[in-house]
Protein backbone atom coordinates (compact mmCIF):
# COMPACT_ATOMS: atom_id res chain seq x y z
CA MET A 1 -23.47 118.99 52.41
CA ILE A 2 -24.00 122.48 53.92
CA GLY A 3 -24.54 125.19 51.33
CA TYR A 4 -24.67 128.14 53.70
CA VAL A 5 -25.60 129.17 57.24
CA THR A 6 -27.34 132.34 58.35
CA VAL A 7 -27.16 134.11 61.69
CA GLY A 8 -29.51 136.87 62.72
CA THR A 9 -28.62 140.48 63.34
CA ASN A 10 -30.47 143.64 64.30
CA ASP A 11 -27.77 145.85 62.72
CA ARG A 12 -26.66 144.61 59.29
CA GLU A 13 -23.98 147.27 58.86
CA ARG A 14 -22.37 146.66 62.26
CA ALA A 15 -22.48 142.88 61.77
CA GLY A 16 -21.01 143.29 58.28
CA GLN A 17 -18.03 145.24 59.58
CA PHE A 18 -17.45 142.70 62.38
CA PHE A 19 -17.54 139.69 60.06
CA ASP A 20 -15.50 141.37 57.30
CA GLU A 21 -12.60 141.30 59.74
CA VAL A 22 -13.29 138.03 61.59
CA PHE A 23 -13.98 136.01 58.44
CA GLY A 24 -11.16 137.86 56.67
CA VAL A 25 -8.71 136.08 58.98
CA LEU A 26 -9.85 132.87 57.24
CA GLY A 27 -9.56 134.37 53.76
CA ALA A 28 -13.32 134.86 53.30
CA GLU A 29 -14.77 137.80 51.39
CA ARG A 30 -18.23 139.18 50.78
CA PHE A 31 -19.83 137.53 47.77
CA MET A 32 -23.47 138.61 48.07
CA GLU A 33 -25.15 141.59 49.68
CA THR A 34 -28.61 143.16 49.86
CA GLU A 35 -30.28 145.62 52.22
CA GLN A 36 -31.26 142.61 54.37
CA PHE A 37 -28.10 140.47 54.46
CA VAL A 38 -24.39 140.12 53.75
CA ALA A 39 -22.80 136.76 52.84
CA TRP A 40 -19.15 135.62 52.90
CA ARG A 41 -17.24 132.63 51.55
CA THR A 42 -13.71 131.52 50.84
CA SER A 43 -14.49 130.09 47.38
CA GLU A 44 -17.39 129.10 45.13
CA LYS A 45 -16.80 125.47 46.16
CA GLU A 46 -17.12 126.13 49.90
CA PRO A 47 -20.19 126.86 52.04
CA GLY A 48 -20.96 130.45 52.91
CA ILE A 49 -22.15 132.31 55.99
CA ALA A 50 -24.64 135.17 55.94
CA SER A 51 -25.66 137.70 58.57
CA THR A 52 -29.26 138.73 58.03
CA THR A 53 -32.08 140.71 59.51
CA PRO A 54 -35.02 138.32 59.99
CA HIS A 55 -37.35 138.03 57.02
CA ASP A 56 -40.44 138.15 59.26
CA GLY A 57 -39.52 141.63 60.52
CA ASN A 58 -39.24 140.55 64.14
CA PRO A 59 -36.03 141.26 66.09
CA ALA A 60 -33.19 138.77 65.65
CA SER A 61 -32.53 136.58 68.66
CA VAL A 62 -29.92 133.97 69.50
CA GLY A 63 -30.90 130.35 68.81
CA ASN A 64 -30.45 128.26 71.95
CA GLY A 65 -28.11 125.38 71.09
CA MET A 66 -27.23 126.87 67.69
CA MET A 67 -23.55 127.36 66.85
CA VAL A 68 -21.59 127.92 63.65
CA ALA A 69 -18.28 126.06 63.33
CA LEU A 70 -15.54 127.77 61.28
CA HIS A 71 -12.86 125.40 59.99
CA ALA A 72 -9.66 127.36 60.56
CA GLY A 73 -7.08 124.77 59.43
CA SER A 74 -4.45 125.36 62.12
CA PRO A 75 -4.17 126.24 65.81
CA GLU A 76 -2.61 129.57 64.83
CA LYS A 77 -5.64 130.48 62.71
CA VAL A 78 -7.99 129.36 65.51
CA GLN A 79 -6.16 131.71 67.87
CA ALA A 80 -6.18 134.55 65.32
CA VAL A 81 -9.93 134.27 64.63
CA HIS A 82 -10.74 134.16 68.35
CA ALA A 83 -8.46 137.13 69.08
CA LYS A 84 -9.93 139.18 66.22
CA ALA A 85 -13.50 138.49 67.39
CA LEU A 86 -12.66 139.62 70.94
CA GLU A 87 -10.74 142.66 69.68
CA LEU A 88 -13.84 143.74 67.75
CA GLY A 89 -16.16 143.45 70.76
CA GLY A 90 -17.20 139.80 70.56
CA THR A 91 -17.35 137.85 73.83
CA ASP A 92 -15.27 134.88 74.91
CA GLU A 93 -17.08 131.56 75.26
CA GLY A 94 -13.95 129.43 75.74
CA GLY A 95 -10.39 130.28 74.76
CA PRO A 96 -8.20 128.32 72.35
CA GLY A 97 -7.27 124.82 73.42
CA LEU A 98 -7.52 121.09 72.89
CA ARG A 99 -10.87 119.49 73.53
CA MET A 100 -11.96 115.92 72.89
CA GLY A 101 -8.72 114.37 71.69
CA ASN A 102 -7.25 116.21 68.72
CA TYR A 103 -10.07 118.76 68.34
CA TYR A 104 -8.62 122.26 68.86
CA GLY A 105 -11.14 125.06 69.20
CA ALA A 106 -11.92 128.53 70.50
CA TYR A 107 -15.45 129.78 71.12
CA PHE A 108 -16.88 133.29 70.87
CA ARG A 109 -20.10 135.20 70.41
CA ASP A 110 -20.56 137.92 67.81
CA LEU A 111 -21.99 141.37 68.53
CA ASP A 112 -25.56 140.00 68.37
CA GLY A 113 -24.83 137.04 70.69
CA ASN A 114 -24.60 134.33 68.01
CA LYS A 115 -22.19 131.56 69.03
CA PHE A 116 -19.23 130.52 66.86
CA VAL A 117 -16.27 128.19 67.19
CA ALA A 118 -13.07 128.36 65.17
CA PHE A 119 -11.59 124.86 65.07
CA CYS A 120 -9.12 122.44 63.52
CA PHE A 121 -7.86 118.95 64.15
CA VAL A 122 -4.26 118.53 65.28
CA HIS A 123 -1.92 115.59 65.61
CA GLU A 124 -0.95 114.69 69.16
CA ALA A 125 2.65 115.77 68.45
CA GLU A 126 1.44 119.35 67.81
């Protein structure tokens, strides 16, 4: 149902470098780019994520209650995405672990303060 998600930035180049590496852990690559935004996806059949300077020209700000969930596919990928985000200067919002039954996630904020979670579902035996 979701076609794409955008998150705001005040520095498109810096955000682009950050997400090239973080989203690269999930196999995503840039597929669209202008002076205002950069967008990534894993395939034409999957939703994309874009980092954009606001169209109205006002500074980007973090949306209260807004979060982007990245389906990582495995606990190892969840851990790798979270570690890469922190390595690149992102901030920890909750390290990797089980939450709510078999939901495994790790939360972080990007360089502009936007909140993300890398997640997967695991079987209880894992």
